[in-house]
Amino acid sequence: RPGIDGVYLQFGGASSTFLPQVWESLPDPATFLAELKRKAGLPGTFW
């Protein structure tokens, strides 16, 4: 839910989070999720 959700990502020993305020600069969900993965040290296309 853009603009509403903060998101926390976990994979193995990697984790990252974006507060809901980050949607202001990353409004597209695909871009938001890709950058969250990069923040955790994962490739943006990783799943």
ModelCIF file with pLDDT and N, C-alpha, C, O atoms, coordinates in Angstrom:
data_MODEL
#
_entry.id   MODEL 
#
_entity.id                         1 
_entity.type                       polymer 
_entity.pdbx_number_of_molecules   1 
#
_entity_poly.entity_id                      1 
_entity_poly.type                           'polypeptide(L)' 
_entity_poly.nstd_linkage                   no 
_entity_poly.nstd_monomer                   no 
_entity_poly.pdbx_seq_one_letter_code       RPGIDGVYLQFGGASSTFLPQVWESLPDPATFLAELKRKAGLPGTFW 
_entity_poly.pdbx_seq_one_letter_code_can   RPGIDGVYLQFGGASSTFLPQVWESLPDPATFLAELKRKAGLPGTFW 
_entity_poly.pdbx_strand_id                 A 
#
loop_
_entity_poly_seq.entity_id 
_entity_poly_seq.num 
_entity_poly_seq.mon_id 
_entity_poly_seq.hetero 
1 1  ARG n 
1 2  PRO n 
1 3  GLY n 
1 4  ILE n 
1 5  ASP n 
1 6  GLY n 
1 7  VAL n 
1 8  TYR n 
1 9  LEU n 
1 10 GLN n 
1 11 PHE n 
1 12 GLY n 
1 13 GLY n 
1 14 ALA n 
1 15 SER n 
1 16 SER n 
1 17 THR n 
1 18 PHE n 
1 19 LEU n 
1 20 PRO n 
1 21 GLN n 
1 22 VAL n 
1 23 TRP n 
1 24 GLU n 
1 25 SER n 
1 26 LEU n 
1 27 PRO n 
1 28 ASP n 
1 29 PRO n 
1 30 ALA n 
1 31 THR n 
1 32 PHE n 
1 33 LEU n 
1 34 ALA n 
1 35 GLU n 
1 36 LEU n 
1 37 LYS n 
1 38 ARG n 
1 39 LYS n 
1 40 ALA n 
1 41 GLY n 
1 42 LEU n 
1 43 PRO n 
1 44 GLY n 
1 45 THR n 
1 46 PHE n 
1 47 TRP n 
#
_struct_asym.id          A 
_struct_asym.entity_id   1 
#
loop_
_ma_qa_metric.id 
_ma_qa_metric.mode 
_ma_qa_metric.name 
_ma_qa_metric.software_group_id 
_ma_qa_metric.type 
1 global pLDDT . pLDDT 
2 local  pLDDT . pLDDT 
#
_ma_qa_metric_global.metric_id      1 
_ma_qa_metric_global.metric_value   97.09 
_ma_qa_metric_global.model_id       1 
_ma_qa_metric_global.ordinal_id     1 
#
loop_
_ma_qa_metric_local.label_asym_id 
_ma_qa_metric_local.label_comp_id 
_ma_qa_metric_local.label_seq_id 
_ma_qa_metric_local.metric_id 
_ma_qa_metric_local.metric_value 
_ma_qa_metric_local.model_id 
_ma_qa_metric_local.ordinal_id 
A ARG 1  2 97.00 1 1  
A PRO 2  2 98.00 1 2  
A GLY 3  2 96.00 1 3  
A ILE 4  2 97.00 1 4  
A ASP 5  2 97.00 1 5  
A GLY 6  2 98.00 1 6  
A VAL 7  2 98.00 1 7  
A TYR 8  2 98.00 1 8  
A LEU 9  2 98.00 1 9  
A GLN 10 2 97.00 1 10 
A PHE 11 2 97.00 1 11 
A GLY 12 2 95.00 1 12 
A GLY 13 2 95.00 1 13 
A ALA 14 2 97.00 1 14 
A SER 15 2 97.00 1 15 
A SER 16 2 97.00 1 16 
A THR 17 2 97.00 1 17 
A PHE 18 2 97.00 1 18 
A LEU 19 2 97.00 1 19 
A PRO 20 2 97.00 1 20 
A GLN 21 2 96.00 1 21 
A VAL 22 2 96.00 1 22 
A TRP 23 2 97.00 1 23 
A GLU 24 2 96.00 1 24 
A SER 25 2 95.00 1 25 
A LEU 26 2 97.00 1 26 
A PRO 27 2 97.00 1 27 
A ASP 28 2 97.00 1 28 
A PRO 29 2 98.00 1 29 
A ALA 30 2 98.00 1 30 
A THR 31 2 98.00 1 31 
A PHE 32 2 98.00 1 32 
A LEU 33 2 98.00 1 33 
A ALA 34 2 98.00 1 34 
A GLU 35 2 98.00 1 35 
A LEU 36 2 98.00 1 36 
A LYS 37 2 98.00 1 37 
A ARG 38 2 98.00 1 38 
A LYS 39 2 97.00 1 39 
A ALA 40 2 97.00 1 40 
A GLY 41 2 97.00 1 41 
A LEU 42 2 98.00 1 42 
A PRO 43 2 97.00 1 43 
A GLY 44 2 97.00 1 44 
A THR 45 2 96.00 1 45 
A PHE 46 2 97.00 1 46 
A TRP 47 2 96.00 1 47 
#
loop_
_atom_site.group_PDB 
_atom_site.id 
_atom_site.type_symbol 
_atom_site.label_atom_id 
_atom_site.label_alt_id 
_atom_site.label_comp_id 
_atom_site.label_asym_id 
_atom_site.label_entity_id 
_atom_site.label_seq_id 
_atom_site.pdbx_PDB_ins_code 
_atom_site.Cartn_x 
_atom_site.Cartn_y 
_atom_site.Cartn_z 
_atom_site.occupancy 
_atom_site.B_iso_or_equiv 
_atom_site.pdbx_formal_charge 
_atom_site.auth_seq_id 
_atom_site.auth_comp_id 
_atom_site.auth_asym_id 
_atom_site.auth_atom_id 
_atom_site.pdbx_PDB_model_num 
ATOM 1   N N  . ARG A 1 1  ? 0.856  -1.185  0.000  1.00 97.00 ? 1  ARG A N  1 
ATOM 2   C CA . ARG A 1 1  ? 0.000  0.000   0.000  1.00 97.00 ? 1  ARG A CA 1 
ATOM 3   C C  . ARG A 1 1  ? 0.898  1.243   0.000  1.00 97.00 ? 1  ARG A C  1 
ATOM 4   O O  . ARG A 1 1  ? 1.330  1.704   1.056  1.00 97.00 ? 1  ARG A O  1 
ATOM 5   N N  . PRO A 1 2  ? 1.176  1.784   -1.207 1.00 98.00 ? 2  PRO A N  1 
ATOM 6   C CA . PRO A 1 2  ? 2.046  2.963   -1.295 1.00 98.00 ? 2  PRO A CA 1 
ATOM 7   C C  . PRO A 1 2  ? 1.550  4.106   -0.409 1.00 98.00 ? 2  PRO A C  1 
ATOM 8   O O  . PRO A 1 2  ? 0.361  4.420   -0.362 1.00 98.00 ? 2  PRO A O  1 
ATOM 9   N N  . GLY A 1 3  ? 2.511  4.713   0.291  1.00 96.00 ? 3  GLY A N  1 
ATOM 10  C CA . GLY A 1 3  ? 2.201  5.832   1.156  1.00 96.00 ? 3  GLY A CA 1 
ATOM 11  C C  . GLY A 1 3  ? 1.686  5.428   2.533  1.00 96.00 ? 3  GLY A C  1 
ATOM 12  O O  . GLY A 1 3  ? 1.571  6.271   3.423  1.00 96.00 ? 3  GLY A O  1 
ATOM 13  N N  . ILE A 1 4  ? 1.379  4.159   2.715  1.00 97.00 ? 4  ILE A N  1 
ATOM 14  C CA . ILE A 1 4  ? 0.831  3.676   3.989  1.00 97.00 ? 4  ILE A CA 1 
ATOM 15  C C  . ILE A 1 4  ? 1.796  2.719   4.686  1.00 97.00 ? 4  ILE A C  1 
ATOM 16  O O  . ILE A 1 4  ? 2.070  2.848   5.879  1.00 97.00 ? 4  ILE A O  1 
ATOM 17  N N  . ASP A 1 5  ? 2.302  1.760   3.919  1.00 97.00 ? 5  ASP A N  1 
ATOM 18  C CA . ASP A 1 5  ? 3.112  0.694   4.502  1.00 97.00 ? 5  ASP A CA 1 
ATOM 19  C C  . ASP A 1 5  ? 4.577  1.050   4.653  1.00 97.00 ? 5  ASP A C  1 
ATOM 20  O O  . ASP A 1 5  ? 5.206  1.556   3.724  1.00 97.00 ? 5  ASP A O  1 
ATOM 21  N N  . GLY A 1 6  ? 5.114  0.781   5.833  1.00 98.00 ? 6  GLY A N  1 
ATOM 22  C CA . GLY A 1 6  ? 6.543  0.599   5.996  1.00 98.00 ? 6  GLY A CA 1 
ATOM 23  C C  . GLY A 1 6  ? 6.777  -0.868  5.697  1.00 98.00 ? 6  GLY A C  1 
ATOM 24  O O  . GLY A 1 6  ? 5.913  -1.695  5.987  1.00 98.00 ? 6  GLY A O  1 
ATOM 25  N N  . VAL A 1 7  ? 7.919  -1.214  5.125  1.00 98.00 ? 7  VAL A N  1 
ATOM 26  C CA . VAL A 1 7  ? 8.162  -2.600  4.741  1.00 98.00 ? 7  VAL A CA 1 
ATOM 27  C C  . VAL A 1 7  ? 9.489  -3.064  5.324  1.00 98.00 ? 7  VAL A C  1 
ATOM 28  O O  . VAL A 1 7  ? 10.494 -2.355  5.279  1.00 98.00 ? 7  VAL A O  1 
ATOM 29  N N  . TYR A 1 8  ? 9.463  -4.273  5.872  1.00 98.00 ? 8  TYR A N  1 
ATOM 30  C CA . TYR A 1 8  ? 10.650 -4.904  6.444  1.00 98.00 ? 8  TYR A CA 1 
ATOM 31  C C  . TYR A 1 8  ? 10.924 -6.158  5.634  1.00 98.00 ? 8  TYR A C  1 
ATOM 32  O O  . TYR A 1 8  ? 10.028 -6.977  5.434  1.00 98.00 ? 8  TYR A O  1 
ATOM 33  N N  . LEU A 1 9  ? 12.157 -6.315  5.167  1.00 98.00 ? 9  LEU A N  1 
ATOM 34  C CA . LEU A 1 9  ? 12.579 -7.447  4.353  1.00 98.00 ? 9  LEU A CA 1 
ATOM 35  C C  . LEU A 1 9  ? 13.593 -8.267  5.117  1.00 98.00 ? 9  LEU A C  1 
ATOM 36  O O  . LEU A 1 9  ? 14.487 -7.720  5.762  1.00 98.00 ? 9  LEU A O  1 
ATOM 37  N N  . GLN A 1 10 ? 13.454 -9.595  5.043  1.00 97.00 ? 10 GLN A N  1 
ATOM 38  C CA . GLN A 1 10 ? 14.423 -10.512 5.650  1.00 97.00 ? 10 GLN A CA 1 
ATOM 39  C C  . GLN A 1 10 ? 14.719 -11.632 4.664  1.00 97.00 ? 10 GLN A C  1 
ATOM 40  O O  . GLN A 1 10 ? 13.818 -12.201 4.048  1.00 97.00 ? 10 GLN A O  1 
ATOM 41  N N  . PHE A 1 11 ? 15.995 -11.930 4.533  1.00 97.00 ? 11 PHE A N  1 
ATOM 42  C CA . PHE A 1 11 ? 16.405 -13.104 3.764  1.00 97.00 ? 11 PHE A CA 1 
ATOM 43  C C  . PHE A 1 11 ? 17.743 -13.563 4.319  1.00 97.00 ? 11 PHE A C  1 
ATOM 44  O O  . PHE A 1 11 ? 18.725 -12.821 4.285  1.00 97.00 ? 11 PHE A O  1 
ATOM 45  N N  . GLY A 1 12 ? 17.782 -14.792 4.831  1.00 95.00 ? 12 GLY A N  1 
ATOM 46  C CA . GLY A 1 12 ? 19.015 -15.272 5.455  1.00 95.00 ? 12 GLY A CA 1 
ATOM 47  C C  . GLY A 1 12 ? 19.416 -14.306 6.557  1.00 95.00 ? 12 GLY A C  1 
ATOM 48  O O  . GLY A 1 12 ? 18.602 -13.974 7.418  1.00 95.00 ? 12 GLY A O  1 
ATOM 49  N N  . GLY A 1 13 ? 20.652 -13.855 6.538  1.00 95.00 ? 13 GLY A N  1 
ATOM 50  C CA . GLY A 1 13 ? 21.131 -12.897 7.523  1.00 95.00 ? 13 GLY A CA 1 
ATOM 51  C C  . GLY A 1 13 ? 20.944 -11.450 7.105  1.00 95.00 ? 13 GLY A C  1 
ATOM 52  O O  . GLY A 1 13 ? 21.340 -10.541 7.834  1.00 95.00 ? 13 GLY A O  1 
ATOM 53  N N  . ALA A 1 14 ? 20.345 -11.221 5.938  1.00 97.00 ? 14 ALA A N  1 
ATOM 54  C CA . ALA A 1 14 ? 20.159 -9.859  5.425  1.00 97.00 ? 14 ALA A CA 1 
ATOM 55  C C  . ALA A 1 14 ? 18.782 -9.331  5.800  1.00 97.00 ? 14 ALA A C  1 
ATOM 56  O O  . ALA A 1 14 ? 17.800 -10.073 5.809  1.00 97.00 ? 14 ALA A O  1 
ATOM 57  N N  . SER A 1 15 ? 18.723 -8.044  6.108  1.00 97.00 ? 15 SER A N  1 
ATOM 58  C CA . SER A 1 15 ? 17.432 -7.409  6.378  1.00 97.00 ? 15 SER A CA 1 
ATOM 59  C C  . SER A 1 15 ? 17.537 -5.929  6.056  1.00 97.00 ? 15 SER A C  1 
ATOM 60  O O  . SER A 1 15 ? 18.627 -5.357  6.027  1.00 97.00 ? 15 SER A O  1 
ATOM 61  N N  . SER A 1 16 ? 16.393 -5.325  5.819  1.00 97.00 ? 16 SER A N  1 
ATOM 62  C CA . SER A 1 16 ? 16.330 -3.879  5.601  1.00 97.00 ? 16 SER A CA 1 
ATOM 63  C C  . SER A 1 16 ? 14.893 -3.434  5.807  1.00 97.00 ? 16 SER A C  1 
ATOM 64  O O  . SER A 1 16 ? 13.968 -4.246  5.799  1.00 97.00 ? 16 SER A O  1 
ATOM 65  N N  . THR A 1 17 ? 14.721 -2.147  5.990  1.00 97.00 ? 17 THR A N  1 
ATOM 66  C CA . THR A 1 17 ? 13.379 -1.591  6.116  1.00 97.00 ? 17 THR A CA 1 
ATOM 67  C C  . THR A 1 17 ? 13.333 -0.213  5.480  1.00 97.00 ? 17 THR A C  1 
ATOM 68  O O  . THR A 1 17 ? 14.333 0.504   5.425  1.00 97.00 ? 17 THR A O  1 
ATOM 69  N N  . PHE A 1 18 ? 12.160 0.134   5.006  1.00 97.00 ? 18 PHE A N  1 
ATOM 70  C CA . PHE A 1 18 ? 11.853 1.495   4.570  1.00 97.00 ? 18 PHE A CA 1 
ATOM 71  C C  . PHE A 1 18 ? 10.612 1.931   5.336  1.00 97.00 ? 18 PHE A C  1 
ATOM 72  O O  . PHE A 1 18 ? 9.613  1.212   5.371  1.00 97.00 ? 18 PHE A O  1 
ATOM 73  N N  . LEU A 1 19 ? 10.676 3.105   5.947  1.00 97.00 ? 19 LEU A N  1 
ATOM 74  C CA . LEU A 1 19 ? 9.513  3.703   6.577  1.00 97.00 ? 19 LEU A CA 1 
ATOM 75  C C  . LEU A 1 19 ? 8.508  4.097   5.499  1.00 97.00 ? 19 LEU A C  1 
ATOM 76  O O  . LEU A 1 19 ? 8.889  4.240   4.337  1.00 97.00 ? 19 LEU A O  1 
ATOM 77  N N  . PRO A 1 20 ? 7.240  4.274   5.849  1.00 97.00 ? 20 PRO A N  1 
ATOM 78  C CA . PRO A 1 20 ? 6.256  4.696   4.856  1.00 97.00 ? 20 PRO A CA 1 
ATOM 79  C C  . PRO A 1 20 ? 6.626  6.019   4.165  1.00 97.00 ? 20 PRO A C  1 
ATOM 80  O O  . PRO A 1 20 ? 6.219  6.257   3.027  1.00 97.00 ? 20 PRO A O  1 
ATOM 81  N N  . GLN A 1 21 ? 7.387  6.868   4.842  1.00 96.00 ? 21 GLN A N  1 
ATOM 82  C CA . GLN A 1 21 ? 7.782  8.146   4.260  1.00 96.00 ? 21 GLN A CA 1 
ATOM 83  C C  . GLN A 1 21 ? 8.627  7.977   2.998  1.00 96.00 ? 21 GLN A C  1 
ATOM 84  O O  . GLN A 1 21 ? 8.692  8.893   2.179  1.00 96.00 ? 21 GLN A O  1 
ATOM 85  N N  . VAL A 1 22 ? 9.276  6.823   2.826  1.00 96.00 ? 22 VAL A N  1 
ATOM 86  C CA . VAL A 1 22 ? 10.133 6.582   1.665  1.00 96.00 ? 22 VAL A CA 1 
ATOM 87  C C  . VAL A 1 22 ? 9.309  6.538   0.375  1.00 96.00 ? 22 VAL A C  1 
ATOM 88  O O  . VAL A 1 22 ? 9.842  6.777   -0.708 1.00 96.00 ? 22 VAL A O  1 
ATOM 89  N N  . TRP A 1 23 ? 8.012  6.233   0.487  1.00 97.00 ? 23 TRP A N  1 
ATOM 90  C CA . TRP A 1 23 ? 7.159  6.247   -0.702 1.00 97.00 ? 23 TRP A CA 1 
ATOM 91  C C  . TRP A 1 23 ? 7.157  7.619   -1.380 1.00 97.00 ? 23 TRP A C  1 
ATOM 92  O O  . TRP A 1 23 ? 6.921  7.711   -2.584 1.00 97.00 ? 23 TRP A O  1 
ATOM 93  N N  . GLU A 1 24 ? 7.418  8.688   -0.616 1.00 96.00 ? 24 GLU A N  1 
ATOM 94  C CA . GLU A 1 24 ? 7.449  10.035  -1.208 1.00 96.00 ? 24 GLU A CA 1 
ATOM 95  C C  . GLU A 1 24 ? 8.523  10.150  -2.280 1.00 96.00 ? 24 GLU A C  1 
ATOM 96  O O  . GLU A 1 24 ? 8.334  10.852  -3.273 1.00 96.00 ? 24 GLU A O  1 
ATOM 97  N N  . SER A 1 25 ? 9.656  9.463   -2.086 1.00 95.00 ? 25 SER A N  1 
ATOM 98  C CA . SER A 1 25 ? 10.728 9.525   -3.083 1.00 95.00 ? 25 SER A CA 1 
ATOM 99  C C  . SER A 1 25 ? 10.759 8.297   -3.992 1.00 95.00 ? 25 SER A C  1 
ATOM 100 O O  . SER A 1 25 ? 11.400 8.327   -5.042 1.00 95.00 ? 25 SER A O  1 
ATOM 101 N N  . LEU A 1 26 ? 10.074 7.217   -3.604 1.00 97.00 ? 26 LEU A N  1 
ATOM 102 C CA . LEU A 1 26 ? 10.006 5.991   -4.416 1.00 97.00 ? 26 LEU A CA 1 
ATOM 103 C C  . LEU A 1 26 ? 8.540  5.553   -4.527 1.00 97.00 ? 26 LEU A C  1 
ATOM 104 O O  . LEU A 1 26 ? 8.156  4.557   -3.915 1.00 97.00 ? 26 LEU A O  1 
ATOM 105 N N  . PRO A 1 27 ? 7.714  6.277   -5.298 1.00 97.00 ? 27 PRO A N  1 
ATOM 106 C CA . PRO A 1 27 ? 6.271  6.007   -5.307 1.00 97.00 ? 27 PRO A CA 1 
ATOM 107 C C  . PRO A 1 27 ? 5.849  4.738   -6.059 1.00 97.00 ? 27 PRO A C  1 
ATOM 108 O O  . PRO A 1 27 ? 4.741  4.243   -5.852 1.00 97.00 ? 27 PRO A O  1 
ATOM 109 N N  . ASP A 1 28 ? 6.710  4.213   -6.919 1.00 97.00 ? 28 ASP A N  1 
ATOM 110 C CA . ASP A 1 28 ? 6.380  3.017   -7.689 1.00 97.00 ? 28 ASP A CA 1 
ATOM 111 C C  . ASP A 1 28 ? 6.698  1.772   -6.855 1.00 97.00 ? 28 ASP A C  1 
ATOM 112 O O  . ASP A 1 28 ? 7.838  1.613   -6.419 1.00 97.00 ? 28 ASP A O  1 
ATOM 113 N N  . PRO A 1 29 ? 5.719  0.880   -6.619 1.00 98.00 ? 29 PRO A N  1 
ATOM 114 C CA . PRO A 1 29 ? 5.973  -0.297  -5.784 1.00 98.00 ? 29 PRO A CA 1 
ATOM 115 C C  . PRO A 1 29 ? 7.149  -1.162  -6.259 1.00 98.00 ? 29 PRO A C  1 
ATOM 116 O O  . PRO A 1 29 ? 7.911  -1.660  -5.431 1.00 98.00 ? 29 PRO A O  1 
ATOM 117 N N  . ALA A 1 30 ? 7.309  -1.347  -7.566 1.00 98.00 ? 30 ALA A N  1 
ATOM 118 C CA . ALA A 1 30 ? 8.421  -2.176  -8.065 1.00 98.00 ? 30 ALA A CA 1 
ATOM 119 C C  . ALA A 1 30 ? 9.763  -1.530  -7.743 1.00 98.00 ? 30 ALA A C  1 
ATOM 120 O O  . ALA A 1 30 ? 10.705 -2.222  -7.355 1.00 98.00 ? 30 ALA A O  1 
ATOM 121 N N  . THR A 1 31 ? 9.860  -0.230  -7.896 1.00 98.00 ? 31 THR A N  1 
ATOM 122 C CA . THR A 1 31 ? 11.104 0.484   -7.581 1.00 98.00 ? 31 THR A CA 1 
ATOM 123 C C  . THR A 1 31 ? 11.348 0.471   -6.074 1.00 98.00 ? 31 THR A C  1 
ATOM 124 O O  . THR A 1 31 ? 12.475 0.258   -5.628 1.00 98.00 ? 31 THR A O  1 
ATOM 125 N N  . PHE A 1 32 ? 10.302 0.697   -5.299 1.00 98.00 ? 32 PHE A N  1 
ATOM 126 C CA . PHE A 1 32 ? 10.390 0.681   -3.833 1.00 98.00 ? 32 PHE A CA 1 
ATOM 127 C C  . PHE A 1 32 ? 10.959 -0.662  -3.366 1.00 98.00 ? 32 PHE A C  1 
ATOM 128 O O  . PHE A 1 32 ? 11.890 -0.704  -2.561 1.00 98.00 ? 32 PHE A O  1 
ATOM 129 N N  . LEU A 1 33 ? 10.390 -1.756  -3.878 1.00 98.00 ? 33 LEU A N  1 
ATOM 130 C CA . LEU A 1 33 ? 10.828 -3.087  -3.463 1.00 98.00 ? 33 LEU A CA 1 
ATOM 131 C C  . LEU A 1 33 ? 12.248 -3.386  -3.938 1.00 98.00 ? 33 LEU A C  1 
ATOM 132 O O  . LEU A 1 33 ? 13.031 -3.987  -3.202 1.00 98.00 ? 33 LEU A O  1 
ATOM 133 N N  . ALA A 1 34 ? 12.587 -2.971  -5.158 1.00 98.00 ? 34 ALA A N  1 
ATOM 134 C CA . ALA A 1 34 ? 13.945 -3.189  -5.681 1.00 98.00 ? 34 ALA A CA 1 
ATOM 135 C C  . ALA A 1 34 ? 14.971 -2.455  -4.819 1.00 98.00 ? 34 ALA A C  1 
ATOM 136 O O  . ALA A 1 34 ? 16.026 -3.009  -4.510 1.00 98.00 ? 34 ALA A O  1 
ATOM 137 N N  . GLU A 1 35 ? 14.675 -1.227  -4.432 1.00 98.00 ? 35 GLU A N  1 
ATOM 138 C CA . GLU A 1 35 ? 15.606 -0.451  -3.596 1.00 98.00 ? 35 GLU A CA 1 
ATOM 139 C C  . GLU A 1 35 ? 15.694 -1.028  -2.185 1.00 98.00 ? 35 GLU A C  1 
ATOM 140 O O  . GLU A 1 35 ? 16.757 -0.983  -1.565 1.00 98.00 ? 35 GLU A O  1 
ATOM 141 N N  . LEU A 1 36 ? 14.596 -1.567  -1.676 1.00 98.00 ? 36 LEU A N  1 
ATOM 142 C CA . LEU A 1 36 ? 14.620 -2.212  -0.366 1.00 98.00 ? 36 LEU A CA 1 
ATOM 143 C C  . LEU A 1 36 ? 15.532 -3.434  -0.397 1.00 98.00 ? 36 LEU A C  1 
ATOM 144 O O  . LEU A 1 36 ? 16.275 -3.683  0.552  1.00 98.00 ? 36 LEU A O  1 
ATOM 145 N N  . LYS A 1 37 ? 15.475 -4.191  -1.484 1.00 98.00 ? 37 LYS A N  1 
ATOM 146 C CA . LYS A 1 37 ? 16.364 -5.353  -1.638 1.00 98.00 ? 37 LYS A CA 1 
ATOM 147 C C  . LYS A 1 37 ? 17.815 -4.899  -1.729 1.00 98.00 ? 37 LYS A C  1 
ATOM 148 O O  . LYS A 1 37 ? 18.693 -5.501  -1.110 1.00 98.00 ? 37 LYS A O  1 
ATOM 149 N N  . ARG A 1 38 ? 18.073 -3.846  -2.493 1.00 98.00 ? 38 ARG A N  1 
ATOM 150 C CA . ARG A 1 38 ? 19.453 -3.331  -2.600 1.00 98.00 ? 38 ARG A CA 1 
ATOM 151 C C  . ARG A 1 38 ? 19.967 -2.870  -1.243 1.00 98.00 ? 38 ARG A C  1 
ATOM 152 O O  . ARG A 1 38 ? 21.130 -3.091  -0.906 1.00 98.00 ? 38 ARG A O  1 
ATOM 153 N N  . LYS A 1 39 ? 19.110 -2.236  -0.475 1.00 97.00 ? 39 LYS A N  1 
ATOM 154 C CA . LYS A 1 39 ? 19.507 -1.779  0.862  1.00 97.00 ? 39 LYS A CA 1 
ATOM 155 C C  . LYS A 1 39 ? 19.939 -2.957  1.732  1.00 97.00 ? 39 LYS A C  1 
ATOM 156 O O  . LYS A 1 39 ? 20.812 -2.811  2.588  1.00 97.00 ? 39 LYS A O  1 
ATOM 157 N N  . ALA A 1 40 ? 19.330 -4.127  1.513  1.00 97.00 ? 40 ALA A N  1 
ATOM 158 C CA . ALA A 1 40 ? 19.688 -5.338  2.266  1.00 97.00 ? 40 ALA A CA 1 
ATOM 159 C C  . ALA A 1 40 ? 20.915 -6.031  1.684  1.00 97.00 ? 40 ALA A C  1 
ATOM 160 O O  . ALA A 1 40 ? 21.356 -7.055  2.207  1.00 97.00 ? 40 ALA A O  1 
ATOM 161 N N  . GLY A 1 41 ? 21.474 -5.476  0.593  1.00 97.00 ? 41 GLY A N  1 
ATOM 162 C CA . GLY A 1 41 ? 22.654 -6.071  -0.024 1.00 97.00 ? 41 GLY A CA 1 
ATOM 163 C C  . GLY A 1 41 ? 22.324 -7.128  -1.066 1.00 97.00 ? 41 GLY A C  1 
ATOM 164 O O  . GLY A 1 41 ? 23.189 -7.909  -1.462 1.00 97.00 ? 41 GLY A O  1 
ATOM 165 N N  . LEU A 1 42 ? 21.087 -7.153  -1.504 1.00 98.00 ? 42 LEU A N  1 
ATOM 166 C CA . LEU A 1 42 ? 20.636 -8.116  -2.508 1.00 98.00 ? 42 LEU A CA 1 
ATOM 167 C C  . LEU A 1 42 ? 20.449 -7.406  -3.853 1.00 98.00 ? 42 LEU A C  1 
ATOM 168 O O  . LEU A 1 42 ? 20.243 -6.193  -3.881 1.00 98.00 ? 42 LEU A O  1 
ATOM 169 N N  . PRO A 1 43 ? 20.517 -8.135  -4.954 1.00 97.00 ? 43 PRO A N  1 
ATOM 170 C CA . PRO A 1 43 ? 20.215 -7.508  -6.248 1.00 97.00 ? 43 PRO A CA 1 
ATOM 171 C C  . PRO A 1 43 ? 18.755 -7.044  -6.276 1.00 97.00 ? 43 PRO A C  1 
ATOM 172 O O  . PRO A 1 43 ? 17.888 -7.672  -5.669 1.00 97.00 ? 43 PRO A O  1 
ATOM 173 N N  . GLY A 1 44 ? 18.492 -5.953  -6.976 1.00 97.00 ? 44 GLY A N  1 
ATOM 174 C CA . GLY A 1 44 ? 17.136 -5.412  -7.069 1.00 97.00 ? 44 GLY A CA 1 
ATOM 175 C C  . GLY A 1 44 ? 16.147 -6.362  -7.706 1.00 97.00 ? 44 GLY A C  1 
ATOM 176 O O  . GLY A 1 44 ? 14.946 -6.263  -7.453 1.00 97.00 ? 44 GLY A O  1 
ATOM 177 N N  . THR A 1 45 ? 16.625 -7.283  -8.529 1.00 96.00 ? 45 THR A N  1 
ATOM 178 C CA . THR A 1 45 ? 15.744 -8.242  -9.206 1.00 96.00 ? 45 THR A CA 1 
ATOM 179 C C  . THR A 1 45 ? 15.618 -9.561  -8.449 1.00 96.00 ? 45 THR A C  1 
ATOM 180 O O  . THR A 1 45 ? 14.940 -10.477 -8.916 1.00 96.00 ? 45 THR A O  1 
ATOM 181 N N  . PHE A 1 46 ? 16.256 -9.670  -7.296 1.00 97.00 ? 46 PHE A N  1 
ATOM 182 C CA . PHE A 1 46 ? 16.295 -10.915 -6.519 1.00 97.00 ? 46 PHE A CA 1 
ATOM 183 C C  . PHE A 1 46 ? 14.907 -11.296 -5.999 1.00 97.00 ? 46 PHE A C  1 
ATOM 184 O O  . PHE A 1 46 ? 14.144 -10.443 -5.546 1.00 97.00 ? 46 PHE A O  1 
ATOM 185 N N  . TRP A 1 47 ? 14.597 -12.587 -6.072 1.00 96.00 ? 47 TRP A N  1 
ATOM 186 C CA . TRP A 1 47 ? 13.446 -13.141 -5.354 1.00 96.00 ? 47 TRP A CA 1 
ATOM 187 C C  . TRP A 1 47 ? 13.769 -14.582 -4.998 1.00 96.00 ? 47 TRP A C  1 
ATOM 188 O O  . TRP A 1 47 ? 12.949 -15.266 -4.386 1.00 96.00 ? 47 TRP A O  1 
#
